[in-house]
Protein backbone atom coordinates (compact mmCIF):
# COMPACT_ATOMS: atom_id res chain seq x y z
CA MET A 1 -29.42 4.51 -5.58
CA ALA A 2 -28.64 0.95 -4.46
CA THR A 3 -26.33 0.55 -7.44
CA GLN A 4 -24.27 3.55 -6.33
CA VAL A 5 -24.02 2.15 -2.80
CA ASN A 6 -22.93 -1.25 -4.12
CA ALA A 7 -20.41 0.36 -6.49
CA ALA A 8 -18.99 2.46 -3.67
CA ARG A 9 -18.73 -0.60 -1.43
CA LEU A 10 -17.02 -2.59 -4.24
CA HIS A 11 -14.57 0.27 -4.82
CA LYS A 12 -13.77 0.41 -1.10
CA ASP A 13 -13.35 -3.39 -0.94
CA ILE A 14 -10.98 -3.37 -3.92
CA HIS A 15 -8.78 -0.73 -2.29
CA ALA A 16 -8.77 -2.66 0.98
CA ALA A 17 -7.74 -5.84 -0.86
CA GLN A 18 -4.95 -4.00 -2.68
CA ASP A 19 -3.76 -2.53 0.61
CA ARG A 20 -3.70 -5.97 2.26
CA GLU A 21 -1.81 -7.43 -0.71
CA LEU A 22 0.85 -4.69 -0.64
CA ARG A 23 1.30 -5.04 3.12
CA LEU A 24 1.57 -8.82 2.79
CA GLN A 25 4.25 -8.42 0.12
CA ALA A 26 6.17 -6.11 2.46
CA ILE A 27 5.91 -8.59 5.33
CA GLN A 28 7.03 -11.50 3.13
CA ASP A 29 10.12 -9.63 1.90
CA PRO A 30 10.98 -7.05 4.58
CA LYS A 31 14.63 -6.60 3.57
CA THR A 32 13.74 -5.55 0.04
CA PHE A 33 10.90 -3.35 1.24
CA MET A 34 13.08 -1.61 3.83
CA SER A 35 15.79 -1.07 1.20
CA LEU A 36 13.29 0.49 -1.22
CA ALA A 37 11.78 2.59 1.57
CA GLN A 38 15.19 3.90 2.66
CA ARG A 39 15.91 5.05 -0.91
CA GLN A 40 12.77 7.17 -0.69
CA GLY A 41 13.59 8.69 2.68
CA TYR A 42 11.68 6.40 5.04
CA SER A 43 13.56 4.93 7.98
CA LEU A 44 12.20 1.53 8.90
CA SER A 45 13.95 -0.72 11.37
CA PRO A 46 13.79 -4.52 11.50
CA ASN A 47 12.99 -4.43 15.22
CA ASN A 48 9.59 -2.80 14.91
CA PHE A 49 8.95 -3.26 11.18
CA ILE A 50 5.33 -4.43 11.52
CA GLU A 51 4.42 -1.47 13.73
CA GLU A 52 6.05 1.02 11.37
CA LEU A 53 4.41 -0.64 8.36
CA SER A 54 0.98 -0.26 9.94
CA LYS A 55 1.54 3.51 10.17
CA LEU A 56 2.13 3.87 6.41
CA SER A 57 -0.80 4.61 4.14
CA GLU A 58 -1.79 2.44 1.20
CA THR A 59 -0.54 5.15 -1.15
CA ALA A 60 2.85 5.35 0.58
CA ILE A 61 3.33 1.57 0.43
CA ALA A 62 2.31 1.48 -3.25
CA ALA A 63 4.76 4.28 -4.01
CA ILE A 64 7.56 2.40 -2.25
CA TRP A 65 6.95 -0.73 -4.34
CA ASN A 66 6.53 1.29 -7.56
CA PRO A 67 8.41 4.57 -7.14
CA GLY A 68 7.75 5.68 -10.71
CA ILE A 69 4.02 5.78 -10.07
CA GLY A 70 2.71 8.42 -7.73
CA ASP A 71 -0.83 8.03 -6.52
CA ARG A 72 -1.88 4.58 -7.74
CA ARG A 73 -5.58 5.29 -7.38
CA HIS A 74 -5.67 6.45 -11.00
CA LEU A 75 -4.86 2.89 -12.10
CA VAL A 76 -8.23 1.61 -10.89
CA ARG A 77 -10.77 1.57 -13.71
CA ARG A 78 -13.71 3.85 -13.18
């Protein structure tokens, strides 16, 4: 039972780390991220970019960076 709890916590921590990394990449290169997002129908403005970025899900941000890959959760080994 403890192993399942630890595995679930590790899985959650990995997704949180991936989310932070993707958001950090977006913050470091906002022009590229906004350009990619606009191609996919999102409208992000430079004025309130951080606020708008915080409203996007991890899956949406991953799909903006890698539009050929839908839900990236299948890339995590099980």
